[in-house]
Amino acid sequence: MNVTGIDHVQVAAPAGCEAEARAFYGGLLGLDELPKPERLAARGGCWFRAGGQELHVGVEQPFAPARKAHPGLVAADLDELASRLGAAGIEVSYDDTIPDAKRFYAADPFGNRLEFRQA
């Protein structure tokens, strides 16, 4: 098979999202921001590194948040991350439907669903 991994996932956001995306993905989640290629930077949005993969925040017009489709992110300390998100006013919803998987769901500032799992 030729597909050997995932390079990146993208979540959509409304125009002018960059400051909120940086505060959430960079500040709150601690992801490193990556420079966008010059030809793509004019489209808005921003890119982040999540381990060996990337998470791209892309501008979509008209915008509608993804409420079912979602990226699954891994955290070294899930409870600490849940506390940090909760302190920032973000609702965290733990889910125990997969045996032996500690995980929760939360939404980014744009309403996109995100899954977080314990490493």
PDB file of N, CA and C in Angstrom:
ATOM      1  N   MET A   1       0.837  -1.179   0.000  1.00  0.00           N
ATOM      2  CA  MET A   1       0.000   0.000   0.000  1.00  0.00           C
ATOM      3  C   MET A   1       0.885   1.246   0.000  1.00  0.00           C
ATOM      4  N   ASN A   2       0.468   2.276  -0.689  1.00  0.00           N
ATOM      5  CA  ASN A   2       1.283   3.482  -0.818  1.00  0.00           C
ATOM      6  C   ASN A   2       1.078   4.511   0.288  1.00  0.00           C
ATOM      7  N   VAL A   3      -0.085   4.520   0.945  1.00  0.00           N
ATOM      8  CA  VAL A   3      -0.324   5.490   2.013  1.00  0.00           C
ATOM      9  C   VAL A   3       0.350   4.978   3.273  1.00  0.00           C
ATOM     10  N   THR A   4       1.230   5.801   3.852  1.00  0.00           N
ATOM     11  CA  THR A   4       2.009   5.361   5.004  1.00  0.00           C
ATOM     12  C   THR A   4       1.795   6.189   6.260  1.00  0.00           C
ATOM     13  N   GLY A   5       0.948   7.198   6.198  1.00  0.00           N
ATOM     14  CA  GLY A   5       0.721   8.017   7.379  1.00  0.00           C
ATOM     15  C   GLY A   5      -0.170   9.197   7.069  1.00  0.00           C
ATOM     16  N   ILE A   6      -0.322  10.042   8.062  1.00  0.00           N
ATOM     17  CA  ILE A   6      -1.108  11.272   7.911  1.00  0.00           C
ATOM     18  C   ILE A   6      -0.164  12.449   8.086  1.00  0.00           C
ATOM     19  N   ASP A   7      -0.124  13.314   7.094  1.00  0.00           N
ATOM     20  CA  ASP A   7       0.712  14.505   7.129  1.00  0.00           C
ATOM     21  C   ASP A   7       0.055  15.600   7.967  1.00  0.00           C
ATOM     22  N   HIS A   8      -1.241  15.831   7.721  1.00  0.00           N
ATOM     23  CA  HIS A   8      -1.956  16.864   8.471  1.00  0.00           C
ATOM     24  C   HIS A   8      -3.458  16.625   8.419  1.00  0.00           C
ATOM     25  N   VAL A   9      -4.140  17.292   9.320  1.00  0.00           N
ATOM     26  CA  VAL A   9      -5.594  17.391   9.276  1.00  0.00           C
ATOM     27  C   VAL A   9      -5.919  18.871   9.261  1.00  0.00           C
ATOM     28  N   GLN A  10      -7.090  19.203   8.761  1.00  0.00           N
ATOM     29  CA  GLN A  10      -7.487  20.606   8.718  1.00  0.00           C
ATOM     30  C   GLN A  10      -8.851  20.769   9.364  1.00  0.00           C
ATOM     31  N   VAL A  11      -8.980  21.822  10.151  1.00  0.00           N
ATOM     32  CA  VAL A  11     -10.273  22.239  10.671  1.00  0.00           C
ATOM     33  C   VAL A  11     -10.598  23.576  10.027  1.00  0.00           C
ATOM     34  N   ALA A  12     -11.876  23.822   9.845  1.00  0.00           N
ATOM     35  CA  ALA A  12     -12.315  25.067   9.216  1.00  0.00           C
ATOM     36  C   ALA A  12     -12.586  26.127  10.271  1.00  0.00           C
ATOM     37  N   ALA A  13     -12.489  27.373   9.850  1.00  0.00           N
ATOM     38  CA  ALA A  13     -12.748  28.506  10.739  1.00  0.00           C
ATOM     39  C   ALA A  13     -13.226  29.679   9.879  1.00  0.00           C
ATOM     40  N   PRO A  14     -13.899  30.652  10.501  1.00  0.00           N
ATOM     41  CA  PRO A  14     -14.354  31.812   9.739  1.00  0.00           C
ATOM     42  C   PRO A  14     -13.212  32.779   9.439  1.00  0.00           C
ATOM     43  N   ALA A  15     -13.429  33.662   8.502  1.00  0.00           N
ATOM     44  CA  ALA A  15     -12.447  34.699   8.177  1.00  0.00           C
ATOM     45  C   ALA A  15     -12.109  35.500   9.437  1.00  0.00           C
ATOM     46  N   GLY A  16     -10.868  35.891   9.568  1.00  0.00           N
ATOM     47  CA  GLY A  16     -10.429  36.665  10.728  1.00  0.00           C
ATOM     48  C   GLY A  16     -10.176  35.820  11.972  1.00  0.00           C
ATOM     49  N   CYS A  17     -10.011  34.512  11.799  1.00  0.00           N
ATOM     50  CA  CYS A  17      -9.892  33.567  12.907  1.00  0.00           C
ATOM     51  C   CYS A  17      -8.508  33.492  13.536  1.00  0.00           C
ATOM     52  N   GLU A  18      -7.519  34.095  12.924  1.00  0.00           N
ATOM     53  CA  GLU A  18      -6.130  33.818  13.271  1.00  0.00           C
ATOM     54  C   GLU A  18      -5.791  34.084  14.740  1.00  0.00           C
ATOM     55  N   ALA A  19      -6.205  35.197  15.309  1.00  0.00           N
ATOM     56  CA  ALA A  19      -5.861  35.501  16.707  1.00  0.00           C
ATOM     57  C   ALA A  19      -6.462  34.465  17.649  1.00  0.00           C
ATOM     58  N   GLU A  20      -7.717  34.101  17.447  1.00  0.00           N
ATOM     59  CA  GLU A  20      -8.350  33.087  18.295  1.00  0.00           C
ATOM     60  C   GLU A  20      -7.714  31.718  18.093  1.00  0.00           C
ATOM     61  N   ALA A  21      -7.375  31.388  16.859  1.00  0.00           N
ATOM     62  CA  ALA A  21      -6.728  30.100  16.583  1.00  0.00           C
ATOM     63  C   ALA A  21      -5.373  30.031  17.268  1.00  0.00           C
ATOM     64  N   ARG A  22      -4.615  31.104  17.211  1.00  0.00           N
ATOM     65  CA  ARG A  22      -3.300  31.122  17.863  1.00  0.00           C
ATOM     66  C   ARG A  22      -3.440  31.010  19.378  1.00  0.00           C
ATOM     67  N   ALA A  23      -4.426  31.714  19.950  1.00  0.00           N
ATOM     68  CA  ALA A  23      -4.637  31.668  21.399  1.00  0.00           C
ATOM     69  C   ALA A  23      -5.038  30.264  21.841  1.00  0.00           C
ATOM     70  N   PHE A  24      -5.890  29.599  21.076  1.00  0.00           N
ATOM     71  CA  PHE A  24      -6.367  28.273  21.455  1.00  0.00           C
ATOM     72  C   PHE A  24      -5.341  27.186  21.138  1.00  0.00           C
ATOM     73  N   TYR A  25      -5.006  27.039  19.860  1.00  0.00           N
ATOM     74  CA  TYR A  25      -4.126  25.946  19.455  1.00  0.00           C
ATOM     75  C   TYR A  25      -2.677  26.169  19.908  1.00  0.00           C
ATOM     76  N   GLY A  26      -2.212  27.401  19.812  1.00  0.00           N
ATOM     77  CA  GLY A  26      -0.848  27.696  20.234  1.00  0.00           C
ATOM     78  C   GLY A  26      -0.742  27.921  21.733  1.00  0.00           C
ATOM     79  N   GLY A  27      -1.562  28.820  22.264  1.00  0.00           N
ATOM     80  CA  GLY A  27      -1.487  29.167  23.678  1.00  0.00           C
ATOM     81  C   GLY A  27      -2.018  28.098  24.605  1.00  0.00           C
ATOM     82  N   LEU A  28      -3.270  27.730  24.438  1.00  0.00           N
ATOM     83  CA  LEU A  28      -3.925  26.795  25.357  1.00  0.00           C
ATOM     84  C   LEU A  28      -3.460  25.354  25.170  1.00  0.00           C
ATOM     85  N   LEU A  29      -3.356  24.902  23.919  1.00  0.00           N
ATOM     86  CA  LEU A  29      -2.932  23.519  23.670  1.00  0.00           C
ATOM     87  C   LEU A  29      -1.419  23.375  23.586  1.00  0.00           C
ATOM     88  N   GLY A  30      -0.706  24.472  23.400  1.00  0.00           N
ATOM     89  CA  GLY A  30       0.756  24.426  23.376  1.00  0.00           C
ATOM     90  C   GLY A  30       1.366  23.920  22.087  1.00  0.00           C
ATOM     91  N   LEU A  31       0.620  23.985  20.974  1.00  0.00           N
ATOM     92  CA  LEU A  31       1.168  23.556  19.687  1.00  0.00           C
ATOM     93  C   LEU A  31       2.046  24.667  19.113  1.00  0.00           C
ATOM     94  N   ASP A  32       3.106  24.277  18.448  1.00  0.00           N
ATOM     95  CA  ASP A  32       3.993  25.250  17.815  1.00  0.00           C
ATOM     96  C   ASP A  32       3.399  25.687  16.485  1.00  0.00           C
ATOM     97  N   GLU A  33       3.366  26.992  16.257  1.00  0.00           N
ATOM     98  CA  GLU A  33       2.868  27.491  14.969  1.00  0.00           C
ATOM     99  C   GLU A  33       3.942  27.313  13.900  1.00  0.00           C
ATOM    100  N   LEU A  34       3.496  26.942  12.726  1.00  0.00           N
ATOM    101  CA  LEU A  34       4.373  26.780  11.573  1.00  0.00           C
ATOM    102  C   LEU A  34       4.114  27.900  10.580  1.00  0.00           C
ATOM    103  N   PRO A  35       5.149  28.380   9.893  1.00  0.00           N
ATOM    104  CA  PRO A  35       4.910  29.394   8.864  1.00  0.00           C
ATOM    105  C   PRO A  35       4.181  28.766   7.676  1.00  0.00           C
ATOM    106  N   LYS A  36       3.196  29.485   7.169  1.00  0.00           N
ATOM    107  CA  LYS A  36       2.511  29.039   5.958  1.00  0.00           C
ATOM    108  C   LYS A  36       3.300  29.519   4.751  1.00  0.00           C
ATOM    109  N   PRO A  37       3.315  28.735   3.696  1.00  0.00           N
ATOM    110  CA  PRO A  37       3.956  29.224   2.468  1.00  0.00           C
ATOM    111  C   PRO A  37       3.317  30.537   2.034  1.00  0.00           C
ATOM    112  N   GLU A  38       4.129  31.431   1.522  1.00  0.00           N
ATOM    113  CA  GLU A  38       3.667  32.781   1.174  1.00  0.00           C
ATOM    114  C   GLU A  38       2.410  32.775   0.304  1.00  0.00           C
ATOM    115  N   ARG A  39       2.358  31.888  -0.665  1.00  0.00           N
ATOM    116  CA  ARG A  39       1.204  31.864  -1.576  1.00  0.00           C
ATOM    117  C   ARG A  39      -0.072  31.423  -0.872  1.00  0.00           C
ATOM    118  N   LEU A  40       0.058  30.678   0.225  1.00  0.00           N
ATOM    119  CA  LEU A  40      -1.120  30.241   0.977  1.00  0.00           C
ATOM    120  C   LEU A  40      -1.476  31.194   2.116  1.00  0.00           C
ATOM    121  N   ALA A  41      -0.525  31.955   2.595  1.00  0.00           N
ATOM    122  CA  ALA A  41      -0.755  32.848   3.732  1.00  0.00           C
ATOM    123  C   ALA A  41      -1.842  33.875   3.441  1.00  0.00           C
ATOM    124  N   ALA A  42      -1.952  34.300   2.205  1.00  0.00           N
ATOM    125  CA  ALA A  42      -2.954  35.304   1.843  1.00  0.00           C
ATOM    126  C   ALA A  42      -4.381  34.785   2.015  1.00  0.00           C
ATOM    127  N   ARG A  43      -4.555  33.479   2.068  1.00  0.00           N
ATOM    128  CA  ARG A  43      -5.889  32.891   2.235  1.00  0.00           C
ATOM    129  C   ARG A  43      -6.382  32.939   3.674  1.00  0.00           C
ATOM    130  N   GLY A  44      -5.494  33.295   4.611  1.00  0.00           N
ATOM    131  CA  GLY A  44      -5.864  33.325   6.021  1.00  0.00           C
ATOM    132  C   GLY A  44      -5.633  31.980   6.675  1.00  0.00           C
ATOM    133  N   GLY A  45      -5.980  31.905   7.948  1.00  0.00           N
ATOM    134  CA  GLY A  45      -5.770  30.695   8.716  1.00  0.00           C
ATOM    135  C   GLY A  45      -4.343  30.587   9.214  1.00  0.00           C
ATOM    136  N   CYS A  46      -4.018  29.474   9.866  1.00  0.00           N
ATOM    137  CA  CYS A  46      -2.674  29.242  10.371  1.00  0.00           C
ATOM    138  C   CYS A  46      -2.439  27.744  10.553  1.00  0.00           C
ATOM    139  N   TRP A  47      -1.184  27.382  10.633  1.00  0.00           N
ATOM    140  CA  TRP A  47      -0.773  25.980  10.732  1.00  0.00           C
ATOM    141  C   TRP A  47      -0.019  25.756  12.034  1.00  0.00           C
ATOM    142  N   PHE A  48      -0.181  24.532  12.586  1.00  0.00           N
ATOM    143  CA  PHE A  48       0.470  24.164  13.841  1.00  0.00           C
ATOM    144  C   PHE A  48       1.065  22.764  13.727  1.00  0.00           C
ATOM    145  N   ARG A  49       2.068  22.494  14.548  1.00  0.00           N
ATOM    146  CA  ARG A  49       2.654  21.153  14.626  1.00  0.00           C
ATOM    147  C   ARG A  49       2.091  20.467  15.860  1.00  0.00           C
ATOM    148  N   ALA A  50       1.641  19.210  15.650  1.00  0.00           N
ATOM    149  CA  ALA A  50       1.131  18.372  16.739  1.00  0.00           C
ATOM    150  C   ALA A  50       1.909  17.063  16.694  1.00  0.00           C
ATOM    151  N   GLY A  51       3.022  17.001  17.409  1.00  0.00           N
ATOM    152  CA  GLY A  51       3.889  15.826  17.333  1.00  0.00           C
ATOM    153  C   GLY A  51       4.525  15.769  15.964  1.00  0.00           C
ATOM    154  N   GLY A  52       4.383  14.633  15.269  1.00  0.00           N
ATOM    155  CA  GLY A  52       4.947  14.490  13.936  1.00  0.00           C
ATOM    156  C   GLY A  52       4.002  14.905  12.832  1.00  0.00           C
ATOM    157  N   GLN A  53       2.813  15.345  13.196  1.00  0.00           N
ATOM    158  CA  GLN A  53       1.826  15.759  12.205  1.00  0.00           C
ATOM    159  C   GLN A  53       1.535  17.249  12.338  1.00  0.00           C
ATOM    160  N   GLU A  54       0.740  17.729  11.408  1.00  0.00           N
ATOM    161  CA  GLU A  54       0.339  19.137  11.438  1.00  0.00           C
ATOM    162  C   GLU A  54      -1.174  19.246  11.553  1.00  0.00           C
ATOM    163  N   LEU A  55      -1.603  20.326  12.156  1.00  0.00           N
ATOM    164  CA  LEU A  55      -3.015  20.684  12.219  1.00  0.00           C
ATOM    165  C   LEU A  55      -3.144  22.045  11.551  1.00  0.00           C
ATOM    166  N   HIS A  56      -3.937  22.116  10.503  1.00  0.00           N
ATOM    167  CA  HIS A  56      -4.128  23.367   9.768  1.00  0.00           C
ATOM    168  C   HIS A  56      -5.496  23.940  10.106  1.00  0.00           C
ATOM    169  N   VAL A  57      -5.527  25.235  10.364  1.00  0.00           N
ATOM    170  CA  VAL A  57      -6.780  25.961  10.538  1.00  0.00           C
ATOM    171  C   VAL A  57      -6.968  26.747   9.258  1.00  0.00           C
ATOM    172  N   GLY A  58      -7.991  26.392   8.489  1.00  0.00           N
ATOM    173  CA  GLY A  58      -8.226  27.020   7.197  1.00  0.00           C
ATOM    174  C   GLY A  58      -9.521  27.808   7.173  1.00  0.00           C
ATOM    175  N   VAL A  59      -9.495  28.922   6.476  1.00  0.00           N
ATOM    176  CA  VAL A  59     -10.683  29.776   6.360  1.00  0.00           C
ATOM    177  C   VAL A  59     -11.642  29.160   5.349  1.00  0.00           C
ATOM    178  N   GLU A  60     -12.900  29.075   5.746  1.00  0.00           N
ATOM    179  CA  GLU A  60     -13.944  28.545   4.872  1.00  0.00           C
ATOM    180  C   GLU A  60     -15.114  29.519   4.858  1.00  0.00           C
ATOM    181  N   GLN A  61     -15.564  29.852   3.652  1.00  0.00           N
ATOM    182  CA  GLN A  61     -16.695  30.772   3.479  1.00  0.00           C
ATOM    183  C   GLN A  61     -17.756  30.094   2.624  1.00  0.00           C
ATOM    184  N   PRO A  62     -18.979  29.952   3.016  1.00  0.00           N
ATOM    185  CA  PRO A  62     -19.442  30.252   4.370  1.00  0.00           C
ATOM    186  C   PRO A  62     -18.919  29.205   5.346  1.00  0.00           C
ATOM    187  N   PHE A  63     -18.784  29.596   6.582  1.00  0.00           N
ATOM    188  CA  PHE A  63     -18.237  28.719   7.607  1.00  0.00           C
ATOM    189  C   PHE A  63     -19.335  27.973   8.343  1.00  0.00           C
ATOM    190  N   ALA A  64     -19.106  26.700   8.595  1.00  0.00           N
ATOM    191  CA  ALA A  64     -19.958  25.886   9.459  1.00  0.00           C
ATOM    192  C   ALA A  64     -19.036  24.947  10.231  1.00  0.00           C
ATOM    193  N   PRO A  65     -19.110  24.927  11.564  1.00  0.00           N
ATOM    194  CA  PRO A  65     -18.211  24.061  12.334  1.00  0.00           C
ATOM    195  C   PRO A  65     -18.515  22.585  12.112  1.00  0.00           C
ATOM    196  N   ALA A  66     -17.488  21.754  12.235  1.00  0.00           N
ATOM    197  CA  ALA A  66     -17.645  20.302  12.146  1.00  0.00           C
ATOM    198  C   ALA A  66     -18.064  19.793  13.520  1.00  0.00           C
ATOM    199  N   ARG A  67     -19.259  19.263  13.613  1.00  0.00           N
ATOM    200  CA  ARG A  67     -19.770  18.801  14.898  1.00  0.00           C
ATOM    201  C   ARG A  67     -19.600  17.302  15.100  1.00  0.00           C
ATOM    202  N   LYS A  68     -19.360  16.552  14.031  1.00  0.00           N
ATOM    203  CA  LYS A  68     -19.147  15.111  14.122  1.00  0.00           C
ATOM    204  C   LYS A  68     -17.715  14.758  13.691  1.00  0.00           C
ATOM    205  N   ALA A  69     -17.333  15.134  12.474  1.00  0.00           N
ATOM    206  CA  ALA A  69     -15.965  14.884  12.008  1.00  0.00           C
ATOM    207  C   ALA A  69     -15.014  15.643  12.920  1.00  0.00           C
ATOM    208  N   HIS A  70     -13.855  15.033  13.210  1.00  0.00           N
ATOM    209  CA  HIS A  70     -12.933  15.687  14.141  1.00  0.00           C
ATOM    210  C   HIS A  70     -11.542  15.087  14.059  1.00  0.00           C
ATOM    211  N   PRO A  71     -10.520  15.882  14.412  1.00  0.00           N
ATOM    212  CA  PRO A  71      -9.194  15.304  14.596  1.00  0.00           C
ATOM    213  C   PRO A  71      -9.123  14.694  15.996  1.00  0.00           C
ATOM    214  N   GLY A  72      -8.321  13.644  16.126  1.00  0.00           N
ATOM    215  CA  GLY A  72      -8.058  13.042  17.426  1.00  0.00           C
ATOM    216  C   GLY A  72      -6.650  13.408  17.844  1.00  0.00           C
ATOM    217  N   LEU A  73      -6.526  14.144  18.928  1.00  0.00           N
ATOM    218  CA  LEU A  73      -5.230  14.615  19.409  1.00  0.00           C
ATOM    219  C   LEU A  73      -4.819  13.825  20.647  1.00  0.00           C
ATOM    220  N   VAL A  74      -3.530  13.670  20.865  1.00  0.00           N
ATOM    221  CA  VAL A  74      -2.998  12.909  21.987  1.00  0.00           C
ATOM    222  C   VAL A  74      -2.377  13.869  22.991  1.00  0.00           C
ATOM    223  N   ALA A  75      -2.665  13.654  24.270  1.00  0.00           N
ATOM    224  CA  ALA A  75      -2.121  14.498  25.337  1.00  0.00           C
ATOM    225  C   ALA A  75      -1.322  13.645  26.304  1.00  0.00           C
ATOM    226  N   ALA A  76      -0.216  14.173  26.796  1.00  0.00           N
ATOM    227  CA  ALA A  76       0.610  13.464  27.767  1.00  0.00           C
ATOM    228  C   ALA A  76      -0.115  13.345  29.103  1.00  0.00           C
ATOM    229  N   ASP A  77      -0.855  14.372  29.497  1.00  0.00           N
ATOM    230  CA  ASP A  77      -1.602  14.374  30.757  1.00  0.00           C
ATOM    231  C   ASP A  77      -3.009  14.879  30.473  1.00  0.00           C
ATOM    232  N   LEU A  78      -3.908  13.958  30.215  1.00  0.00           N
ATOM    233  CA  LEU A  78      -5.262  14.305  29.799  1.00  0.00           C
ATOM    234  C   LEU A  78      -6.009  15.097  30.866  1.00  0.00           C
ATOM    235  N   ASP A  79      -5.877  14.709  32.128  1.00  0.00           N
ATOM    236  CA  ASP A  79      -6.598  15.412  33.192  1.00  0.00           C
ATOM    237  C   ASP A  79      -6.092  16.846  33.357  1.00  0.00           C
ATOM    238  N   GLU A  80      -4.785  17.040  33.217  1.00  0.00           N
ATOM    239  CA  GLU A  80      -4.239  18.401  33.310  1.00  0.00           C
ATOM    240  C   GLU A  80      -4.764  19.254  32.157  1.00  0.00           C
ATOM    241  N   LEU A  81      -4.822  18.677  30.969  1.00  0.00           N
ATOM    242  CA  LEU A  81      -5.357  19.412  29.822  1.00  0.00           C
ATOM    243  C   LEU A  81      -6.833  19.732  30.026  1.00  0.00           C
ATOM    244  N   ALA A  82      -7.598  18.780  30.537  1.00  0.00           N
ATOM    245  CA  ALA A  82      -9.018  19.016  30.808  1.00  0.00           C
ATOM    246  C   ALA A  82      -9.188  20.154  31.816  1.00  0.00           C
ATOM    247  N   SER A  83      -8.340  20.192  32.842  1.00  0.00           N
ATOM    248  CA  SER A  83      -8.404  21.276  33.833  1.00  0.00           C
ATOM    249  C   SER A  83      -8.086  22.620  33.207  1.00  0.00           C
ATOM    250  N   ARG A  84      -7.063  22.641  32.358  1.00  0.00           N
ATOM    251  CA  ARG A  84      -6.676  23.887  31.685  1.00  0.00           C
ATOM    252  C   ARG A  84      -7.791  24.387  30.777  1.00  0.00           C
ATOM    253  N   LEU A  85      -8.403  23.482  30.011  1.00  0.00           N
ATOM    254  CA  LEU A  85      -9.510  23.874  29.136  1.00  0.00           C
ATOM    255  C   LEU A  85     -10.694  24.359  29.967  1.00  0.00           C
ATOM    256  N   GLY A  86     -11.022  23.626  31.030  1.00  0.00           N
ATOM    257  CA  GLY A  86     -12.127  24.034  31.895  1.00  0.00           C
ATOM    258  C   GLY A  86     -11.912  25.401  32.499  1.00  0.00           C
ATOM    259  N   ALA A  87     -10.685  25.685  32.941  1.00  0.00           N
ATOM    260  CA  ALA A  87     -10.367  27.001  33.519  1.00  0.00           C
ATOM    261  C   ALA A  87     -10.523  28.112  32.489  1.00  0.00           C
ATOM    262  N   ALA A  88     -10.394  27.758  31.207  1.00  0.00           N
ATOM    263  CA  ALA A  88     -10.567  28.739  30.127  1.00  0.00           C
ATOM    264  C   ALA A  88     -12.025  28.822  29.670  1.00  0.00           C
ATOM    265  N   GLY A  89     -12.918  28.115  30.373  1.00  0.00           N
ATOM    266  CA  GLY A  89     -14.339  28.179  30.043  1.00  0.00           C
ATOM    267  C   GLY A  89     -14.772  27.239  28.931  1.00  0.00           C
ATOM    268  N   ILE A  90     -13.934  26.253  28.614  1.00  0.00           N
ATOM    269  CA  ILE A  90     -14.251  25.315  27.544  1.00  0.00           C
ATOM    270  C   ILE A  90     -14.799  24.036  28.151  1.00  0.00           C
ATOM    271  N   GLU A  91     -15.975  23.631  27.715  1.00  0.00           N
ATOM    272  CA  GLU A  91     -16.615  22.425  28.227  1.00  0.00           C
ATOM    273  C   GLU A  91     -15.878  21.182  27.747  1.00  0.00           C
ATOM    274  N   VAL A  92     -15.618  20.273  28.678  1.00  0.00           N
ATOM    275  CA  VAL A  92     -14.951  19.008  28.404  1.00  0.00           C
ATOM    276  C   VAL A  92     -15.942  17.890  28.697  1.00  0.00           C
ATOM    277  N   SER A  93     -16.039  16.942  27.770  1.00  0.00           N
ATOM    278  CA  SER A  93     -16.968  15.830  27.929  1.00  0.00           C
ATOM    279  C   SER A  93     -16.212  14.510  27.793  1.00  0.00           C
ATOM    280  N   TYR A  94     -15.952  13.853  28.963  1.00  0.00           N
ATOM    281  CA  TYR A  94     -15.258  12.557  28.937  1.00  0.00           C
ATOM    282  C   TYR A  94     -16.154  11.508  28.292  1.00  0.00           C
ATOM    283  N   ASP A  95     -15.532  10.540  27.640  1.00  0.00           N
ATOM    284  CA  ASP A  95     -16.266   9.477  26.948  1.00  0.00           C
ATOM    285  C   ASP A  95     -15.573   8.151  27.254  1.00  0.00           C
ATOM    286  N   ASP A  96     -16.341   7.185  27.753  1.00  0.00           N
ATOM    287  CA  ASP A  96     -15.763   5.892  28.119  1.00  0.00           C
ATOM    288  C   ASP A  96     -16.281   4.742  27.252  1.00  0.00           C
ATOM    289  N   THR A  97     -16.741   5.051  26.049  1.00  0.00           N
ATOM    290  CA  THR A  97     -17.328   4.007  25.198  1.00  0.00           C
ATOM    291  C   THR A  97     -16.297   3.098  24.543  1.00  0.00           C
ATOM    292  N   ILE A  98     -15.028   3.473  24.542  1.00  0.00           N
ATOM    293  CA  ILE A  98     -13.968   2.604  24.023  1.00  0.00           C
ATOM    294  C   ILE A  98     -13.204   2.057  25.234  1.00  0.00           C
ATOM    295  N   PRO A  99     -13.257   0.747  25.445  1.00  0.00           N
ATOM    296  CA  PRO A  99     -12.557   0.169  26.605  1.00  0.00           C
ATOM    297  C   PRO A  99     -11.069   0.526  26.592  1.00  0.00           C
ATOM    298  N   ASP A 100     -10.541   0.817  27.756  1.00  0.00           N
ATOM    299  CA  ASP A 100      -9.115   1.102  27.946  1.00  0.00           C
ATOM    300  C   ASP A 100      -8.625   2.343  27.205  1.00  0.00           C
ATOM    301  N   ALA A 101      -9.526   3.222  26.801  1.00  0.00           N
ATOM    302  CA  ALA A 101      -9.123   4.478  26.156  1.00  0.00           C
ATOM    303  C   ALA A 101      -9.639   5.636  27.001  1.00  0.00           C
ATOM    304  N   LYS A 102      -8.724   6.389  27.580  1.00  0.00           N
ATOM    305  CA  LYS A 102      -9.103   7.567  28.349  1.00  0.00           C
ATOM    306  C   LYS A 102      -9.155   8.739  27.383  1.00  0.00           C
ATOM    307  N   ARG A 103     -10.342   9.346  27.234  1.00  0.00           N
ATOM    308  CA  ARG A 103     -10.483  10.407  26.240  1.00  0.00           C
ATOM    309  C   ARG A 103     -11.630  11.344  26.602  1.00  0.00           C
ATOM    310  N   PHE A 104     -11.593  12.524  25.975  1.00  0.00           N
ATOM    311  CA  PHE A 104     -12.704  13.463  26.098  1.00  0.00           C
ATOM    312  C   PHE A 104     -12.842  14.256  24.809  1.00  0.00           C
ATOM    313  N   TYR A 105     -13.996  14.903  24.704  1.00  0.00           N
ATOM    314  CA  TYR A 105     -14.274  15.782  23.580  1.00  0.00           C
ATOM    315  C   TYR A 105     -14.378  17.217  24.095  1.00  0.00           C
ATOM    316  N   ALA A 106     -14.007  18.143  23.247  1.00  0.00           N
ATOM    317  CA  ALA A 106     -14.156  19.575  23.512  1.00  0.00           C
ATOM    318  C   ALA A 106     -14.284  20.255  22.150  1.00  0.00           C
ATOM    319  N   ALA A 107     -14.642  21.511  22.164  1.00  0.00           N
ATOM    320  CA  ALA A 107     -14.757  22.273  20.914  1.00  0.00           C
ATOM    321  C   ALA A 107     -13.721  23.386  20.904  1.00  0.00           C
ATOM    322  N   ASP A 108     -13.221  23.676  19.706  1.00  0.00           N
ATOM    323  CA  ASP A 108     -12.327  24.827  19.563  1.00  0.00           C
ATOM    324  C   ASP A 108     -13.168  26.105  19.589  1.00  0.00           C
ATOM    325  N   PRO A 109     -12.564  27.283  19.519  1.00  0.00           N
ATOM    326  CA  PRO A 109     -13.339  28.525  19.611  1.00  0.00           C
ATOM    327  C   PRO A 109     -14.369  28.706  18.491  1.00  0.00           C
ATOM    328  N   PHE A 110     -14.261  27.900  17.445  1.00  0.00           N
ATOM    329  CA  PHE A 110     -15.145  28.040  16.292  1.00  0.00           C
ATOM    330  C   PHE A 110     -16.250  26.994  16.285  1.00  0.00           C
ATOM    331  N   GLY A 111     -16.265  26.131  17.308  1.00  0.00           N
ATOM    332  CA  GLY A 111     -17.292  25.109  17.426  1.00  0.00           C
ATOM    333  C   GLY A 111     -16.947  23.775  16.812  1.00  0.00           C
ATOM    334  N   ASN A 112     -15.714  23.618  16.313  1.00  0.00           N
ATOM    335  CA  ASN A 112     -15.278  22.342  15.745  1.00  0.00           C
ATOM    336  C   ASN A 112     -15.040  21.326  16.852  1.00  0.00           C
ATOM    337  N   ARG A 113     -15.522  20.118  16.656  1.00  0.00           N
ATOM    338  CA  ARG A 113     -15.330  19.042  17.621  1.00  0.00           C
ATOM    339  C   ARG A 113     -13.875  18.553  17.576  1.00  0.00           C
ATOM    340  N   LEU A 114     -13.295  18.346  18.752  1.00  0.00           N
ATOM    341  CA  LEU A 114     -11.945  17.819  18.901  1.00  0.00           C
ATOM    342  C   LEU A 114     -11.980  16.664  19.896  1.00  0.00           C
ATOM    343  N   GLU A 115     -11.254  15.616  19.612  1.00  0.00           N
ATOM    344  CA  GLU A 115     -11.112  14.507  20.553  1.00  0.00           C
ATOM    345  C   GLU A 115      -9.698  14.530  21.116  1.00  0.00           C
ATOM    346  N   PHE A 116      -9.585  14.319  22.420  1.00  0.00           N
ATOM    347  CA  PHE A 116      -8.298  14.258  23.084  1.00  0.00           C
ATOM    348  C   PHE A 116      -8.185  12.917  23.795  1.00  0.00           C
ATOM    349  N   ARG A 117      -7.052  12.233  23.602  1.00  0.00           N
ATOM    350  CA  ARG A 117      -6.798  10.930  24.224  1.00  0.00           C
ATOM    351  C   ARG A 117      -5.535  11.007  25.072  1.00  0.00           C
ATOM    352  N   GLN A 118      -5.541  10.181  26.103  1.00  0.00           N
ATOM    353  CA  GLN A 118      -4.350  10.044  26.933  1.00  0.00           C
ATOM    354  C   GLN A 118      -3.274   9.305  26.150  1.00  0.00           C
ATOM    355  N   ALA A 119      -2.038   9.796  26.204  1.00  0.00           N
ATOM    356  CA  ALA A 119      -0.920   9.131  25.515  1.00  0.00           C
ATOM    357  C   ALA A 119      -0.653   7.771  26.117  1.00  0.00           C
TER     358      ALA A 119
END
